[in-house]
Amino acid sequence: MWKKGILEIEGTDVSYQVKCYEMPSEDYGIEGGRISKMQLKVSGRTTLNYDRGWDMEPEDEASQLAYAILLHRYN
């Protein structure tokens, strides 16, 4: 199931798309969890991309905080 939205992190809008399932996946989920795909964008620029494996890990603070929130919420 896809979840989309925007998180405001310290005055920065971070848009997100998350694909999560009802059951965790050791093979494809982030940390063996329910999220199989996640993308974050700040000002139209991709700052995190996970597609059954890491393509781009978050480096800026807003993306790291958004990742932690989404991981807690959906994983």
N, C-alpha and C. Protein backbone atom coordinates (compact mmCIF):
# COMPACT_ATOMS: atom_id res chain seq x y z
N MET A 1 0.83 -1.15 0.00
CA MET A 1 0.00 0.00 0.00
C MET A 1 0.90 1.24 0.00
N TRP A 2 0.61 2.18 -0.88
CA TRP A 2 1.40 3.40 -1.00
C TRP A 2 0.89 4.47 -0.04
N LYS A 3 1.81 5.15 0.59
CA LYS A 3 1.52 6.31 1.44
C LYS A 3 2.32 7.48 0.88
N LYS A 4 1.67 8.63 0.75
CA LYS A 4 2.33 9.83 0.22
C LYS A 4 1.96 11.02 1.09
N GLY A 5 2.87 11.97 1.16
CA GLY A 5 2.58 13.16 1.93
C GLY A 5 3.78 14.07 2.04
N ILE A 6 3.66 15.04 2.92
CA ILE A 6 4.72 16.01 3.17
C ILE A 6 4.89 16.14 4.68
N LEU A 7 6.13 16.08 5.13
CA LEU A 7 6.46 16.34 6.53
C LEU A 7 7.20 17.66 6.60
N GLU A 8 6.86 18.49 7.57
CA GLU A 8 7.63 19.71 7.79
C GLU A 8 8.63 19.43 8.89
N ILE A 9 9.90 19.48 8.52
CA ILE A 9 11.00 19.20 9.44
C ILE A 9 11.82 20.47 9.60
N GLU A 10 11.73 21.08 10.77
CA GLU A 10 12.49 22.29 11.07
C GLU A 10 12.38 23.34 9.96
N GLY A 11 11.15 23.59 9.49
CA GLY A 11 10.90 24.59 8.47
C GLY A 11 11.15 24.14 7.04
N THR A 12 11.53 22.89 6.84
CA THR A 12 11.79 22.34 5.51
C THR A 12 10.72 21.32 5.17
N ASP A 13 10.09 21.47 4.00
CA ASP A 13 9.10 20.49 3.55
C ASP A 13 9.82 19.30 2.91
N VAL A 14 9.53 18.13 3.42
CA VAL A 14 10.10 16.89 2.90
C VAL A 14 8.94 16.06 2.37
N SER A 15 8.87 15.89 1.04
CA SER A 15 7.80 15.06 0.47
C SER A 15 8.26 13.61 0.49
N TYR A 16 7.28 12.72 0.67
CA TYR A 16 7.63 11.31 0.77
C TYR A 16 6.64 10.42 0.03
N GLN A 17 7.15 9.27 -0.39
CA GLN A 17 6.36 8.17 -0.91
C GLN A 17 6.90 6.92 -0.25
N VAL A 18 6.01 6.13 0.33
CA VAL A 18 6.40 4.91 1.03
C VAL A 18 5.49 3.78 0.57
N LYS A 19 6.08 2.65 0.22
CA LYS A 19 5.31 1.45 -0.07
C LYS A 19 5.55 0.47 1.07
N CYS A 20 4.47 0.13 1.78
CA CYS A 20 4.62 -0.79 2.90
C CYS A 20 3.57 -1.89 2.81
N TYR A 21 3.91 -3.00 3.41
CA TYR A 21 3.04 -4.17 3.39
C TYR A 21 2.56 -4.50 4.80
N GLU A 22 1.60 -5.39 4.91
CA GLU A 22 1.08 -5.80 6.21
C GLU A 22 2.09 -6.64 6.99
N MET A 23 2.87 -7.44 6.28
CA MET A 23 3.84 -8.33 6.91
C MET A 23 5.27 -7.86 6.62
N PRO A 24 6.17 -7.98 7.58
CA PRO A 24 7.58 -7.61 7.35
C PRO A 24 8.25 -8.55 6.35
N SER A 25 9.33 -8.07 5.75
CA SER A 25 10.11 -8.87 4.81
C SER A 25 11.59 -8.77 5.17
N GLU A 26 12.17 -9.87 5.56
CA GLU A 26 13.61 -9.91 5.87
C GLU A 26 14.44 -9.63 4.62
N ASP A 27 13.92 -10.00 3.44
CA ASP A 27 14.68 -9.85 2.20
C ASP A 27 14.60 -8.44 1.61
N TYR A 28 13.42 -7.80 1.67
CA TYR A 28 13.22 -6.55 0.94
C TYR A 28 12.89 -5.35 1.83
N GLY A 29 12.45 -5.56 3.05
CA GLY A 29 12.05 -4.46 3.90
C GLY A 29 13.23 -3.75 4.54
N ILE A 30 13.06 -2.46 4.78
CA ILE A 30 14.08 -1.70 5.49
C ILE A 30 14.23 -2.31 6.88
N GLU A 31 15.43 -2.69 7.24
CA GLU A 31 15.73 -3.32 8.52
C GLU A 31 14.82 -4.53 8.78
N GLY A 32 14.46 -5.25 7.70
CA GLY A 32 13.62 -6.43 7.83
C GLY A 32 12.17 -6.12 8.14
N GLY A 33 11.76 -4.89 7.89
CA GLY A 33 10.41 -4.44 8.23
C GLY A 33 9.44 -4.45 7.07
N ARG A 34 8.41 -3.62 7.19
CA ARG A 34 7.31 -3.60 6.24
C ARG A 34 7.53 -2.67 5.04
N ILE A 35 8.45 -1.72 5.13
CA ILE A 35 8.67 -0.76 4.04
C ILE A 35 9.59 -1.38 2.99
N SER A 36 9.07 -1.52 1.76
CA SER A 36 9.89 -2.07 0.68
C SER A 36 10.41 -0.99 -0.26
N LYS A 37 9.75 0.17 -0.26
CA LYS A 37 10.18 1.28 -1.11
C LYS A 37 9.93 2.58 -0.36
N MET A 38 10.89 3.51 -0.49
CA MET A 38 10.73 4.82 0.12
C MET A 38 11.52 5.83 -0.70
N GLN A 39 10.92 7.00 -0.90
CA GLN A 39 11.63 8.08 -1.56
C GLN A 39 11.30 9.38 -0.82
N LEU A 40 12.34 10.17 -0.55
CA LEU A 40 12.17 11.49 0.04
C LEU A 40 12.71 12.53 -0.92
N LYS A 41 12.05 13.69 -0.94
CA LYS A 41 12.52 14.81 -1.77
C LYS A 41 12.46 16.09 -0.96
N VAL A 42 13.48 16.91 -1.13
CA VAL A 42 13.54 18.24 -0.54
C VAL A 42 13.77 19.21 -1.70
N SER A 43 12.86 20.18 -1.85
CA SER A 43 12.93 21.16 -2.94
C SER A 43 13.04 20.48 -4.30
N GLY A 44 12.32 19.37 -4.49
CA GLY A 44 12.31 18.66 -5.77
C GLY A 44 13.50 17.76 -6.00
N ARG A 45 14.45 17.75 -5.08
CA ARG A 45 15.67 16.94 -5.23
C ARG A 45 15.54 15.69 -4.36
N THR A 46 15.79 14.53 -4.95
CA THR A 46 15.73 13.28 -4.21
C THR A 46 16.85 13.24 -3.19
N THR A 47 16.49 12.97 -1.94
CA THR A 47 17.48 12.94 -0.87
C THR A 47 17.57 11.56 -0.21
N LEU A 48 16.64 10.68 -0.54
CA LEU A 48 16.67 9.29 -0.06
C LEU A 48 15.93 8.45 -1.07
N ASN A 49 16.49 7.28 -1.38
CA ASN A 49 15.80 6.34 -2.25
C ASN A 49 16.12 4.91 -1.80
N TYR A 50 15.07 4.18 -1.47
CA TYR A 50 15.18 2.77 -1.09
C TYR A 50 14.19 2.01 -1.96
N ASP A 51 14.68 1.07 -2.76
CA ASP A 51 13.84 0.25 -3.63
C ASP A 51 14.27 -1.20 -3.46
N ARG A 52 13.83 -1.80 -2.35
CA ARG A 52 14.22 -3.16 -1.96
C ARG A 52 15.72 -3.26 -1.70
N GLY A 53 16.32 -2.15 -1.47
CA GLY A 53 17.74 -2.00 -1.18
C GLY A 53 18.08 -0.52 -1.30
N TRP A 54 19.17 -0.10 -0.69
CA TRP A 54 19.54 1.32 -0.69
C TRP A 54 20.16 1.74 -2.01
N ASP A 55 19.54 2.78 -2.62
CA ASP A 55 20.12 3.45 -3.78
C ASP A 55 20.77 4.75 -3.32
N MET A 56 20.13 5.40 -2.32
CA MET A 56 20.63 6.67 -1.79
C MET A 56 20.16 6.80 -0.35
N GLU A 57 21.09 6.81 0.58
CA GLU A 57 20.74 6.98 2.00
C GLU A 57 20.67 8.47 2.32
N PRO A 58 19.88 8.84 3.33
CA PRO A 58 19.73 10.26 3.66
C PRO A 58 21.02 10.83 4.24
N GLU A 59 21.38 12.03 3.78
CA GLU A 59 22.60 12.67 4.28
C GLU A 59 22.30 13.96 5.02
N ASP A 60 21.27 14.71 4.58
CA ASP A 60 20.98 15.97 5.26
C ASP A 60 20.09 15.71 6.47
N GLU A 61 20.10 16.63 7.40
CA GLU A 61 19.41 16.45 8.68
C GLU A 61 17.90 16.30 8.52
N ALA A 62 17.28 17.12 7.66
CA ALA A 62 15.83 17.04 7.47
C ALA A 62 15.43 15.66 6.94
N SER A 63 16.18 15.13 6.01
CA SER A 63 15.88 13.81 5.46
C SER A 63 16.11 12.70 6.48
N GLN A 64 17.13 12.83 7.28
CA GLN A 64 17.39 11.84 8.32
C GLN A 64 16.25 11.81 9.35
N LEU A 65 15.76 12.99 9.74
CA LEU A 65 14.66 13.05 10.69
C LEU A 65 13.37 12.53 10.08
N ALA A 66 13.10 12.88 8.82
CA ALA A 66 11.91 12.38 8.14
C ALA A 66 11.97 10.87 8.01
N TYR A 67 13.13 10.34 7.69
CA TYR A 67 13.32 8.89 7.60
C TYR A 67 12.99 8.22 8.93
N ALA A 68 13.48 8.77 10.02
CA ALA A 68 13.23 8.19 11.34
C ALA A 68 11.73 8.21 11.67
N ILE A 69 11.06 9.30 11.35
CA ILE A 69 9.61 9.40 11.60
C ILE A 69 8.86 8.35 10.79
N LEU A 70 9.17 8.27 9.50
CA LEU A 70 8.46 7.32 8.63
C LEU A 70 8.77 5.88 8.98
N LEU A 71 9.99 5.61 9.38
CA LEU A 71 10.36 4.27 9.80
C LEU A 71 9.54 3.86 11.03
N HIS A 72 9.40 4.77 11.97
CA HIS A 72 8.59 4.50 13.16
C HIS A 72 7.11 4.32 12.81
N ARG A 73 6.63 5.13 11.90
CA ARG A 73 5.21 5.12 11.55
C ARG A 73 4.80 3.89 10.73
N TYR A 74 5.61 3.50 9.75
CA TYR A 74 5.19 2.48 8.78
C TYR A 74 5.94 1.16 8.83
N ASN A 75 7.09 1.11 9.48
CA ASN A 75 7.90 -0.11 9.42
C ASN A 75 7.51 -1.07 10.52
